[in-house]
Amino acid sequence: MDDRFEELEEMLAEGPANDTEAYELEEYVQRRIDNLNKRWKDAVSDIMSLKRKITYLSKEIDDYRAKIKRVLPDFGG
């Protein structure tokens, strides 16, 4: 962590001493919120992508099981 980050964290804990600090603190908090929102959206996108892949692979597995059962009727119970 850089010194400025630590200084802003301290200001956040203590509260701003003047308008300049209040403005800097507001910008800092907004950047943090924006960063977290982006990370959240990226995570949701990754989850949806994985869900689509799982659905596709599940269908592929079912298709292969059906093909195998046609050749070996006792396969899989």
PDB file of N, CA and C in Angstrom:
ATOM      1  N   MET A   1       0.834  -1.183   0.000  1.00  0.00           N
ATOM      2  CA  MET A   1       0.000   0.000   0.000  1.00  0.00           C
ATOM      3  C   MET A   1       0.876   1.244   0.000  1.00  0.00           C
ATOM      4  N   ASP A   2       0.452   2.220  -0.771  1.00  0.00           N
ATOM      5  CA  ASP A   2       1.226   3.454  -0.750  1.00  0.00           C
ATOM      6  C   ASP A   2       0.771   4.344   0.411  1.00  0.00           C
ATOM      7  N   ASP A   3       1.583   5.358   0.690  1.00  0.00           N
ATOM      8  CA  ASP A   3       1.308   6.246   1.824  1.00  0.00           C
ATOM      9  C   ASP A   3      -0.009   6.996   1.658  1.00  0.00           C
ATOM     10  N   ARG A   4      -0.330   7.381   0.421  1.00  0.00           N
ATOM     11  CA  ARG A   4      -1.561   8.144   0.179  1.00  0.00           C
ATOM     12  C   ARG A   4      -2.789   7.300   0.517  1.00  0.00           C
ATOM     13  N   PHE A   5      -2.733   6.034   0.163  1.00  0.00           N
ATOM     14  CA  PHE A   5      -3.831   5.124   0.477  1.00  0.00           C
ATOM     15  C   PHE A   5      -4.025   5.046   1.987  1.00  0.00           C
ATOM     16  N   GLU A   6      -2.941   4.885   2.720  1.00  0.00           N
ATOM     17  CA  GLU A   6      -3.018   4.813   4.180  1.00  0.00           C
ATOM     18  C   GLU A   6      -3.544   6.121   4.766  1.00  0.00           C
ATOM     19  N   GLU A   7      -3.105   7.237   4.197  1.00  0.00           N
ATOM     20  CA  GLU A   7      -3.564   8.546   4.667  1.00  0.00           C
ATOM     21  C   GLU A   7      -5.077   8.689   4.450  1.00  0.00           C
ATOM     22  N   LEU A   8      -5.555   8.260   3.292  1.00  0.00           N
ATOM     23  CA  LEU A   8      -6.991   8.332   3.009  1.00  0.00           C
ATOM     24  C   LEU A   8      -7.780   7.390   3.909  1.00  0.00           C
ATOM     25  N   GLU A   9      -7.225   6.230   4.196  1.00  0.00           N
ATOM     26  CA  GLU A   9      -7.879   5.297   5.121  1.00  0.00           C
ATOM     27  C   GLU A   9      -8.003   5.926   6.514  1.00  0.00           C
ATOM     28  N   GLU A  10      -6.953   6.619   6.947  1.00  0.00           N
ATOM     29  CA  GLU A  10      -6.997   7.303   8.243  1.00  0.00           C
ATOM     30  C   GLU A  10      -8.050   8.407   8.240  1.00  0.00           C
ATOM     31  N   MET A  11      -8.104   9.180   7.132  1.00  0.00           N
ATOM     32  CA  MET A  11      -9.111  10.235   7.021  1.00  0.00           C
ATOM     33  C   MET A  11     -10.514   9.640   7.072  1.00  0.00           C
ATOM     34  N   LEU A  12     -10.676   8.505   6.452  1.00  0.00           N
ATOM     35  CA  LEU A  12     -11.978   7.847   6.444  1.00  0.00           C
ATOM     36  C   LEU A  12     -12.377   7.460   7.869  1.00  0.00           C
ATOM     37  N   ALA A  13     -11.410   6.987   8.629  1.00  0.00           N
ATOM     38  CA  ALA A  13     -11.685   6.590  10.010  1.00  0.00           C
ATOM     39  C   ALA A  13     -11.947   7.804  10.909  1.00  0.00           C
ATOM     40  N   GLU A  14     -11.186   8.874  10.705  1.00  0.00           N
ATOM     41  CA  GLU A  14     -11.272  10.050  11.574  1.00  0.00           C
ATOM     42  C   GLU A  14     -12.283  11.085  11.098  1.00  0.00           C
ATOM     43  N   GLY A  15     -12.540  11.107   9.812  1.00  0.00           N
ATOM     44  CA  GLY A  15     -13.379  12.156   9.228  1.00  0.00           C
ATOM     45  C   GLY A  15     -12.497  13.268   8.697  1.00  0.00           C
ATOM     46  N   PRO A  16     -12.953  13.981   7.670  1.00  0.00           N
ATOM     47  CA  PRO A  16     -12.121  15.027   7.058  1.00  0.00           C
ATOM     48  C   PRO A  16     -11.970  16.251   7.965  1.00  0.00           C
ATOM     49  N   ALA A  17     -10.791  16.885   7.896  1.00  0.00           N
ATOM     50  CA  ALA A  17     -10.509  18.065   8.717  1.00  0.00           C
ATOM     51  C   ALA A  17     -10.965  19.347   8.026  1.00  0.00           C
ATOM     52  N   ASN A  18     -11.045  19.336   6.685  1.00  0.00           N
ATOM     53  CA  ASN A  18     -11.448  20.540   5.947  1.00  0.00           C
ATOM     54  C   ASN A  18     -12.103  20.133   4.624  1.00  0.00           C
ATOM     55  N   ASP A  19     -12.498  21.134   3.829  1.00  0.00           N
ATOM     56  CA  ASP A  19     -13.197  20.857   2.568  1.00  0.00           C
ATOM     57  C   ASP A  19     -12.325  20.099   1.571  1.00  0.00           C
ATOM     58  N   THR A  20     -11.025  20.428   1.535  1.00  0.00           N
ATOM     59  CA  THR A  20     -10.131  19.741   0.610  1.00  0.00           C
ATOM     60  C   THR A  20     -10.044  18.261   0.959  1.00  0.00           C
ATOM     61  N   GLU A  21      -9.861  17.975   2.224  1.00  0.00           N
ATOM     62  CA  GLU A  21      -9.814  16.575   2.650  1.00  0.00           C
ATOM     63  C   GLU A  21     -11.149  15.885   2.389  1.00  0.00           C
ATOM     64  N   ALA A  22     -12.238  16.599   2.597  1.00  0.00           N
ATOM     65  CA  ALA A  22     -13.560  16.019   2.352  1.00  0.00           C
ATOM     66  C   ALA A  22     -13.710  15.658   0.878  1.00  0.00           C
ATOM     67  N   TYR A  23     -13.261  16.546  -0.005  1.00  0.00           N
ATOM     68  CA  TYR A  23     -13.331  16.293  -1.444  1.00  0.00           C
ATOM     69  C   TYR A  23     -12.453  15.095  -1.821  1.00  0.00           C
ATOM     70  N   GLU A  24     -11.215  15.067  -1.309  1.00  0.00           N
ATOM     71  CA  GLU A  24     -10.315  13.949  -1.593  1.00  0.00           C
ATOM     72  C   GLU A  24     -10.899  12.639  -1.084  1.00  0.00           C
ATOM     73  N   LEU A  25     -11.482  12.697   0.091  1.00  0.00           N
ATOM     74  CA  LEU A  25     -12.074  11.506   0.685  1.00  0.00           C
ATOM     75  C   LEU A  25     -13.272  11.029  -0.140  1.00  0.00           C
ATOM     76  N   GLU A  26     -14.084  11.977  -0.584  1.00  0.00           N
ATOM     77  CA  GLU A  26     -15.239  11.628  -1.417  1.00  0.00           C
ATOM     78  C   GLU A  26     -14.786  10.967  -2.723  1.00  0.00           C
ATOM     79  N   GLU A  27     -13.745  11.530  -3.352  1.00  0.00           N
ATOM     80  CA  GLU A  27     -13.205  10.934  -4.583  1.00  0.00           C
ATOM     81  C   GLU A  27     -12.674   9.530  -4.317  1.00  0.00           C
ATOM     82  N   TYR A  28     -11.955   9.388  -3.230  1.00  0.00           N
ATOM     83  CA  TYR A  28     -11.387   8.088  -2.867  1.00  0.00           C
ATOM     84  C   TYR A  28     -12.490   7.053  -2.667  1.00  0.00           C
ATOM     85  N   VAL A  29     -13.510   7.410  -1.909  1.00  0.00           N
ATOM     86  CA  VAL A  29     -14.611   6.481  -1.641  1.00  0.00           C
ATOM     87  C   VAL A  29     -15.322   6.128  -2.946  1.00  0.00           C
ATOM     88  N   GLN A  30     -15.533   7.119  -3.814  1.00  0.00           N
ATOM     89  CA  GLN A  30     -16.208   6.850  -5.087  1.00  0.00           C
ATOM     90  C   GLN A  30     -15.376   5.909  -5.958  1.00  0.00           C
ATOM     91  N   ARG A  31     -14.060   6.101  -5.983  1.00  0.00           N
ATOM     92  CA  ARG A  31     -13.189   5.191  -6.750  1.00  0.00           C
ATOM     93  C   ARG A  31     -13.282   3.774  -6.207  1.00  0.00           C
ATOM     94  N   ARG A  32     -13.295   3.650  -4.888  1.00  0.00           N
ATOM     95  CA  ARG A  32     -13.421   2.321  -4.269  1.00  0.00           C
ATOM     96  C   ARG A  32     -14.749   1.673  -4.648  1.00  0.00           C
ATOM     97  N   ILE A  33     -15.825   2.456  -4.586  1.00  0.00           N
ATOM     98  CA  ILE A  33     -17.146   1.941  -4.953  1.00  0.00           C
ATOM     99  C   ILE A  33     -17.158   1.522  -6.419  1.00  0.00           C
ATOM    100  N   ASP A  34     -16.624   2.371  -7.293  1.00  0.00           N
ATOM    101  CA  ASP A  34     -16.581   2.051  -8.724  1.00  0.00           C
ATOM    102  C   ASP A  34     -15.781   0.781  -8.978  1.00  0.00           C
ATOM    103  N   ASN A  35     -14.645   0.654  -8.275  1.00  0.00           N
ATOM    104  CA  ASN A  35     -13.811  -0.534  -8.427  1.00  0.00           C
ATOM    105  C   ASN A  35     -14.551  -1.786  -7.967  1.00  0.00           C
ATOM    106  N   LEU A  36     -15.220  -1.694  -6.833  1.00  0.00           N
ATOM    107  CA  LEU A  36     -15.979  -2.845  -6.329  1.00  0.00           C
ATOM    108  C   LEU A  36     -17.135  -3.201  -7.255  1.00  0.00           C
ATOM    109  N   ASN A  37     -17.809  -2.186  -7.794  1.00  0.00           N
ATOM    110  CA  ASN A  37     -18.891  -2.449  -8.745  1.00  0.00           C
ATOM    111  C   ASN A  37     -18.377  -3.164  -9.984  1.00  0.00           C
ATOM    112  N   LYS A  38     -17.219  -2.727 -10.491  1.00  0.00           N
ATOM    113  CA  LYS A  38     -16.640  -3.372 -11.672  1.00  0.00           C
ATOM    114  C   LYS A  38     -16.269  -4.817 -11.355  1.00  0.00           C
ATOM    115  N   ARG A  39     -15.648  -5.025 -10.201  1.00  0.00           N
ATOM    116  CA  ARG A  39     -15.273  -6.385  -9.814  1.00  0.00           C
ATOM    117  C   ARG A  39     -16.507  -7.264  -9.660  1.00  0.00           C
ATOM    118  N   TRP A  40     -17.580  -6.707  -9.092  1.00  0.00           N
ATOM    119  CA  TRP A  40     -18.829  -7.448  -8.922  1.00  0.00           C
ATOM    120  C   TRP A  40     -19.395  -7.836 -10.293  1.00  0.00           C
ATOM    121  N   LYS A  41     -19.447  -6.875 -11.218  1.00  0.00           N
ATOM    122  CA  LYS A  41     -19.972  -7.157 -12.562  1.00  0.00           C
ATOM    123  C   LYS A  41     -19.118  -8.207 -13.265  1.00  0.00           C
ATOM    124  N   ASP A  42     -17.804  -8.107 -13.133  1.00  0.00           N
ATOM    125  CA  ASP A  42     -16.912  -9.099 -13.735  1.00  0.00           C
ATOM    126  C   ASP A  42     -17.158 -10.483 -13.140  1.00  0.00           C
ATOM    127  N   ALA A  43     -17.350 -10.541 -11.825  1.00  0.00           N
ATOM    128  CA  ALA A  43     -17.600 -11.827 -11.163  1.00  0.00           C
ATOM    129  C   ALA A  43     -18.919 -12.430 -11.631  1.00  0.00           C
ATOM    130  N   VAL A  44     -19.961 -11.606 -11.741  1.00  0.00           N
ATOM    131  CA  VAL A  44     -21.257 -12.100 -12.217  1.00  0.00           C
ATOM    132  C   VAL A  44     -21.124 -12.604 -13.648  1.00  0.00           C
ATOM    133  N   SER A  45     -20.402 -11.878 -14.470  1.00  0.00           N
ATOM    134  CA  SER A  45     -20.181 -12.291 -15.856  1.00  0.00           C
ATOM    135  C   SER A  45     -19.447 -13.631 -15.915  1.00  0.00           C
ATOM    136  N   ASP A  46     -18.420 -13.783 -15.083  1.00  0.00           N
ATOM    137  CA  ASP A  46     -17.678 -15.049 -15.030  1.00  0.00           C
ATOM    138  C   ASP A  46     -18.583 -16.196 -14.588  1.00  0.00           C
ATOM    139  N   ILE A  47     -19.431 -15.944 -13.603  1.00  0.00           N
ATOM    140  CA  ILE A  47     -20.348 -16.977 -13.107  1.00  0.00           C
ATOM    141  C   ILE A  47     -21.324 -17.384 -14.200  1.00  0.00           C
ATOM    142  N   MET A  48     -21.872 -16.412 -14.913  1.00  0.00           N
ATOM    143  CA  MET A  48     -22.822 -16.724 -15.986  1.00  0.00           C
ATOM    144  C   MET A  48     -22.139 -17.513 -17.101  1.00  0.00           C
ATOM    145  N   SER A  49     -20.910 -17.166 -17.405  1.00  0.00           N
ATOM    146  CA  SER A  49     -20.152 -17.896 -18.420  1.00  0.00           C
ATOM    147  C   SER A  49     -19.928 -19.341 -17.985  1.00  0.00           C
ATOM    148  N   LEU A  50     -19.550 -19.529 -16.725  1.00  0.00           N
ATOM    149  CA  LEU A  50     -19.350 -20.885 -16.207  1.00  0.00           C
ATOM    150  C   LEU A  50     -20.654 -21.672 -16.208  1.00  0.00           C
ATOM    151  N   LYS A  51     -21.748 -21.009 -15.895  1.00  0.00           N
ATOM    152  CA  LYS A  51     -23.053 -21.674 -15.901  1.00  0.00           C
ATOM    153  C   LYS A  51     -23.384 -22.176 -17.308  1.00  0.00           C
ATOM    154  N   ARG A  52     -23.137 -21.340 -18.325  1.00  0.00           N
ATOM    155  CA  ARG A  52     -23.382 -21.763 -19.712  1.00  0.00           C
ATOM    156  C   ARG A  52     -22.503 -22.950 -20.082  1.00  0.00           C
ATOM    157  N   LYS A  53     -21.238 -22.923 -19.665  1.00  0.00           N
ATOM    158  CA  LYS A  53     -20.330 -24.033 -19.966  1.00  0.00           C
ATOM    159  C   LYS A  53     -20.784 -25.314 -19.281  1.00  0.00           C
ATOM    160  N   ILE A  54     -21.211 -25.211 -18.032  1.00  0.00           N
ATOM    161  CA  ILE A  54     -21.683 -26.388 -17.293  1.00  0.00           C
ATOM    162  C   ILE A  54     -22.921 -26.967 -17.966  1.00  0.00           C
ATOM    163  N   THR A  55     -23.841 -26.094 -18.376  1.00  0.00           N
ATOM    164  CA  THR A  55     -25.053 -26.552 -19.062  1.00  0.00           C
ATOM    165  C   THR A  55     -24.682 -27.280 -20.349  1.00  0.00           C
ATOM    166  N   TYR A  56     -23.765 -26.707 -21.113  1.00  0.00           N
ATOM    167  CA  TYR A  56     -23.330 -27.327 -22.364  1.00  0.00           C
ATOM    168  C   TYR A  56     -22.682 -28.686 -22.098  1.00  0.00           C
ATOM    169  N   LEU A  57     -21.773 -28.733 -21.129  1.00  0.00           N
ATOM    170  CA  LEU A  57     -21.085 -29.991 -20.830  1.00  0.00           C
ATOM    171  C   LEU A  57     -22.046 -31.039 -20.289  1.00  0.00           C
ATOM    172  N   SER A  58     -23.017 -30.629 -19.508  1.00  0.00           N
ATOM    173  CA  SER A  58     -24.015 -31.555 -18.987  1.00  0.00           C
ATOM    174  C   SER A  58     -24.804 -32.183 -20.129  1.00  0.00           C
ATOM    175  N   LYS A  59     -25.172 -31.365 -21.108  1.00  0.00           N
ATOM    176  CA  LYS A  59     -25.884 -31.885 -22.275  1.00  0.00           C
ATOM    177  C   LYS A  59     -24.991 -32.848 -23.057  1.00  0.00           C
ATOM    178  N   GLU A  60     -23.736 -32.495 -23.220  1.00  0.00           N
ATOM    179  CA  GLU A  60     -22.794 -33.380 -23.922  1.00  0.00           C
ATOM    180  C   GLU A  60     -22.693 -34.730 -23.210  1.00  0.00           C
ATOM    181  N   ILE A  61     -22.594 -34.709 -21.893  1.00  0.00           N
ATOM    182  CA  ILE A  61     -22.508 -35.952 -21.114  1.00  0.00           C
ATOM    183  C   ILE A  61     -23.766 -36.780 -21.315  1.00  0.00           C
ATOM    184  N   ASP A  62     -24.928 -36.134 -21.255  1.00  0.00           N
ATOM    185  CA  ASP A  62     -26.187 -36.853 -21.468  1.00  0.00           C
ATOM    186  C   ASP A  62     -26.242 -37.467 -22.865  1.00  0.00           C
ATOM    187  N   ASP A  63     -25.776 -36.733 -23.864  1.00  0.00           N
ATOM    188  CA  ASP A  63     -25.758 -37.258 -25.239  1.00  0.00           C
ATOM    189  C   ASP A  63     -24.846 -38.480 -25.348  1.00  0.00           C
ATOM    190  N   TYR A  64     -23.665 -38.413 -24.732  1.00  0.00           N
ATOM    191  CA  TYR A  64     -22.749 -39.557 -24.773  1.00  0.00           C
ATOM    192  C   TYR A  64     -23.325 -40.753 -24.024  1.00  0.00           C
ATOM    193  N   ARG A  65     -23.972 -40.508 -22.897  1.00  0.00           N
ATOM    194  CA  ARG A  65     -24.608 -41.611 -22.159  1.00  0.00           C
ATOM    195  C   ARG A  65     -25.670 -42.287 -23.019  1.00  0.00           C
ATOM    196  N   ALA A  66     -26.464 -41.487 -23.721  1.00  0.00           N
ATOM    197  CA  ALA A  66     -27.505 -42.051 -24.587  1.00  0.00           C
ATOM    198  C   ALA A  66     -26.884 -42.889 -25.698  1.00  0.00           C
ATOM    199  N   LYS A  67     -25.796 -42.424 -26.277  1.00  0.00           N
ATOM    200  CA  LYS A  67     -25.117 -43.184 -27.335  1.00  0.00           C
ATOM    201  C   LYS A  67     -24.563 -44.496 -26.785  1.00  0.00           C
ATOM    202  N   ILE A  68     -23.962 -44.432 -25.603  1.00  0.00           N
ATOM    203  CA  ILE A  68     -23.390 -45.639 -24.995  1.00  0.00           C
ATOM    204  C   ILE A  68     -24.497 -46.627 -24.649  1.00  0.00           C
ATOM    205  N   LYS A  69     -25.632 -46.153 -24.138  1.00  0.00           N
ATOM    206  CA  LYS A  69     -26.736 -47.048 -23.775  1.00  0.00           C
ATOM    207  C   LYS A  69     -27.303 -47.764 -24.994  1.00  0.00           C
ATOM    208  N   ARG A  70     -27.245 -47.110 -26.140  1.00  0.00           N
ATOM    209  CA  ARG A  70     -27.715 -47.784 -27.357  1.00  0.00           C
ATOM    210  C   ARG A  70     -26.816 -48.962 -27.701  1.00  0.00           C
ATOM    211  N   VAL A  71     -25.516 -48.806 -27.437  1.00  0.00           N
ATOM    212  CA  VAL A  71     -24.555 -49.873 -27.742  1.00  0.00           C
ATOM    213  C   VAL A  71     -24.490 -50.878 -26.598  1.00  0.00           C
ATOM    214  N   LEU A  72     -24.473 -50.385 -25.372  1.00  0.00           N
ATOM    215  CA  LEU A  72     -24.399 -51.234 -24.179  1.00  0.00           C
ATOM    216  C   LEU A  72     -25.602 -50.915 -23.287  1.00  0.00           C
ATOM    217  N   PRO A  73     -26.740 -51.559 -23.493  1.00  0.00           N
ATOM    218  CA  PRO A  73     -27.973 -51.207 -22.782  1.00  0.00           C
ATOM    219  C   PRO A  73     -27.863 -51.242 -21.254  1.00  0.00           C
ATOM    220  N   ASP A  74     -26.983 -52.032 -20.680  1.00  0.00           N
ATOM    221  CA  ASP A  74     -26.879 -52.128 -19.224  1.00  0.00           C
ATOM    222  C   ASP A  74     -25.949 -51.073 -18.617  1.00  0.00           C
ATOM    223  N   PHE A  75     -25.352 -50.224 -19.433  1.00  0.00           N
ATOM    224  CA  PHE A  75     -24.416 -49.213 -18.939  1.00  0.00           C
ATOM    225  C   PHE A  75     -25.146 -48.198 -18.064  1.00  0.00           C
ATOM    226  N   GLY A  76     -24.570 -47.906 -16.925  1.00  0.00           N
ATOM    227  CA  GLY A  76     -25.082 -46.851 -16.056  1.00  0.00           C
ATOM    228  C   GLY A  76     -26.324 -47.223 -15.275  1.00  0.00           C
ATOM    229  N   GLY A  77     -26.554 -48.483 -15.071  1.00  0.00           N
ATOM    230  CA  GLY A  77     -27.666 -48.892 -14.225  1.00  0.00           C
ATOM    231  C   GLY A  77     -28.816 -49.290 -15.033  1.00  0.00           C
TER     232      GLY A  77
END
